[in-house]
Amino acid sequence: MFLNKLIQRNPEFIKTVTNFHQAGEIPPNSYVLDLDTIQSNAQIMFDEAKKLEKTKNHFEDSKMPTLYE
């Protein structure tokens, strides 16, 4: 399931990791991380948190909406 999504979203990463492994540059049972994707995702979360921080003051002055109202 996870691997299918990874192949779908980042096939170049799979090719690169496979090539490194076949060349003996990555030992078996190793973890490989795509730091570019991690950085990109972290930036997206950071930017969204900044947007939410700007709306925080609005909710301090009024009643916070809930899912159950």
C-alpha atoms as a PDB file:
ATOM      1  CA  MET A   1       0.000   0.000   0.000  1.00  0.00           C
ATOM      2  CA  PHE A   2       2.668   2.547   1.024  1.00  0.00           C
ATOM      3  CA  LEU A   3       5.016   1.380  -1.704  1.00  0.00           C
ATOM      4  CA  ASN A   4       2.324   1.735  -4.384  1.00  0.00           C
ATOM      5  CA  LYS A   5       1.758   5.385  -3.420  1.00  0.00           C
ATOM      6  CA  LEU A   6       5.486   6.036  -3.365  1.00  0.00           C
ATOM      7  CA  ILE A   7       5.910   4.543  -6.847  1.00  0.00           C
ATOM      8  CA  GLN A   8       2.985   6.636  -8.045  1.00  0.00           C
ATOM      9  CA  ARG A   9       4.140   9.923  -6.493  1.00  0.00           C
ATOM     10  CA  ASN A  10       7.919   9.668  -6.737  1.00  0.00           C
ATOM     11  CA  PRO A  11       9.052   7.070  -9.296  1.00  0.00           C
ATOM     12  CA  GLU A  12      12.431   8.784  -9.751  1.00  0.00           C
ATOM     13  CA  PHE A  13      13.203   8.213  -6.067  1.00  0.00           C
ATOM     14  CA  ILE A  14      12.507   4.478  -6.468  1.00  0.00           C
ATOM     15  CA  LYS A  15      14.767   4.290  -9.532  1.00  0.00           C
ATOM     16  CA  THR A  16      17.583   6.133  -7.771  1.00  0.00           C
ATOM     17  CA  VAL A  17      17.363   4.023  -4.612  1.00  0.00           C
ATOM     18  CA  THR A  18      17.262   0.829  -6.681  1.00  0.00           C
ATOM     19  CA  ASN A  19      20.351   1.900  -8.617  1.00  0.00           C
ATOM     20  CA  PHE A  20      22.242   2.766  -5.412  1.00  0.00           C
ATOM     21  CA  HIS A  21      21.273  -0.560  -3.849  1.00  0.00           C
ATOM     22  CA  GLN A  22      22.283  -2.569  -6.924  1.00  0.00           C
ATOM     23  CA  ALA A  23      25.612  -0.728  -7.001  1.00  0.00           C
ATOM     24  CA  GLY A  24      26.221  -1.740  -3.388  1.00  0.00           C
ATOM     25  CA  GLU A  25      26.033   1.825  -2.091  1.00  0.00           C
ATOM     26  CA  ILE A  26      23.041   1.081   0.137  1.00  0.00           C
ATOM     27  CA  PRO A  27      23.206  -2.042   2.298  1.00  0.00           C
ATOM     28  CA  PRO A  28      20.211  -4.377   2.614  1.00  0.00           C
ATOM     29  CA  ASN A  29      17.584  -3.548   5.269  1.00  0.00           C
ATOM     30  CA  SER A  30      18.412   0.154   5.196  1.00  0.00           C
ATOM     31  CA  TYR A  31      16.062   3.098   5.423  1.00  0.00           C
ATOM     32  CA  VAL A  32      16.283   5.728   2.701  1.00  0.00           C
ATOM     33  CA  LEU A  33      14.682   9.133   3.132  1.00  0.00           C
ATOM     34  CA  ASP A  34      13.848  11.677   0.453  1.00  0.00           C
ATOM     35  CA  LEU A  35      15.005  14.814   2.252  1.00  0.00           C
ATOM     36  CA  ASP A  36      13.767  17.097  -0.531  1.00  0.00           C
ATOM     37  CA  THR A  37      10.220  15.784  -0.082  1.00  0.00           C
ATOM     38  CA  ILE A  38      10.479  15.952   3.713  1.00  0.00           C
ATOM     39  CA  GLN A  39      11.663  19.581   3.471  1.00  0.00           C
ATOM     40  CA  SER A  40       8.859  20.430   1.050  1.00  0.00           C
ATOM     41  CA  ASN A  41       6.211  18.861   3.294  1.00  0.00           C
ATOM     42  CA  ALA A  42       7.621  20.620   6.356  1.00  0.00           C
ATOM     43  CA  GLN A  43       7.441  23.960   4.518  1.00  0.00           C
ATOM     44  CA  ILE A  44       3.799  23.325   3.584  1.00  0.00           C
ATOM     45  CA  MET A  45       2.922  22.550   7.219  1.00  0.00           C
ATOM     46  CA  PHE A  46       4.873  25.583   8.451  1.00  0.00           C
ATOM     47  CA  ASP A  47       3.114  27.915   6.002  1.00  0.00           C
ATOM     48  CA  GLU A  48      -0.287  26.549   7.014  1.00  0.00           C
ATOM     49  CA  ALA A  49       0.540  26.966  10.700  1.00  0.00           C
ATOM     50  CA  LYS A  50       1.484  30.592  10.039  1.00  0.00           C
ATOM     51  CA  LYS A  51      -1.888  31.174   8.356  1.00  0.00           C
ATOM     52  CA  LEU A  52      -3.668  29.611  11.316  1.00  0.00           C
ATOM     53  CA  GLU A  53      -1.652  31.743  13.733  1.00  0.00           C
ATOM     54  CA  LYS A  54      -3.058  34.847  12.027  1.00  0.00           C
ATOM     55  CA  THR A  55      -6.643  33.615  12.635  1.00  0.00           C
ATOM     56  CA  LYS A  56      -5.953  32.731  16.270  1.00  0.00           C
ATOM     57  CA  ASN A  57      -6.720  36.238  17.543  1.00  0.00           C
ATOM     58  CA  HIS A  58     -10.111  36.143  15.857  1.00  0.00           C
ATOM     59  CA  PHE A  59     -11.177  33.145  17.923  1.00  0.00           C
ATOM     60  CA  GLU A  60      -9.890  34.615  21.186  1.00  0.00           C
ATOM     61  CA  ASP A  61     -12.478  37.404  20.875  1.00  0.00           C
ATOM     62  CA  SER A  62     -15.410  35.172  19.943  1.00  0.00           C
ATOM     63  CA  LYS A  63     -16.758  31.729  20.689  1.00  0.00           C
ATOM     64  CA  MET A  64     -14.736  28.958  19.081  1.00  0.00           C
ATOM     65  CA  PRO A  65     -16.929  26.890  16.712  1.00  0.00           C
ATOM     66  CA  THR A  66     -17.150  23.171  17.416  1.00  0.00           C
ATOM     67  CA  LEU A  67     -18.120  20.203  15.308  1.00  0.00           C
ATOM     68  CA  TYR A  68     -21.084  19.415  17.581  1.00  0.00           C
ATOM     69  CA  GLU A  69     -22.986  22.721  17.371  1.00  0.00           C
END
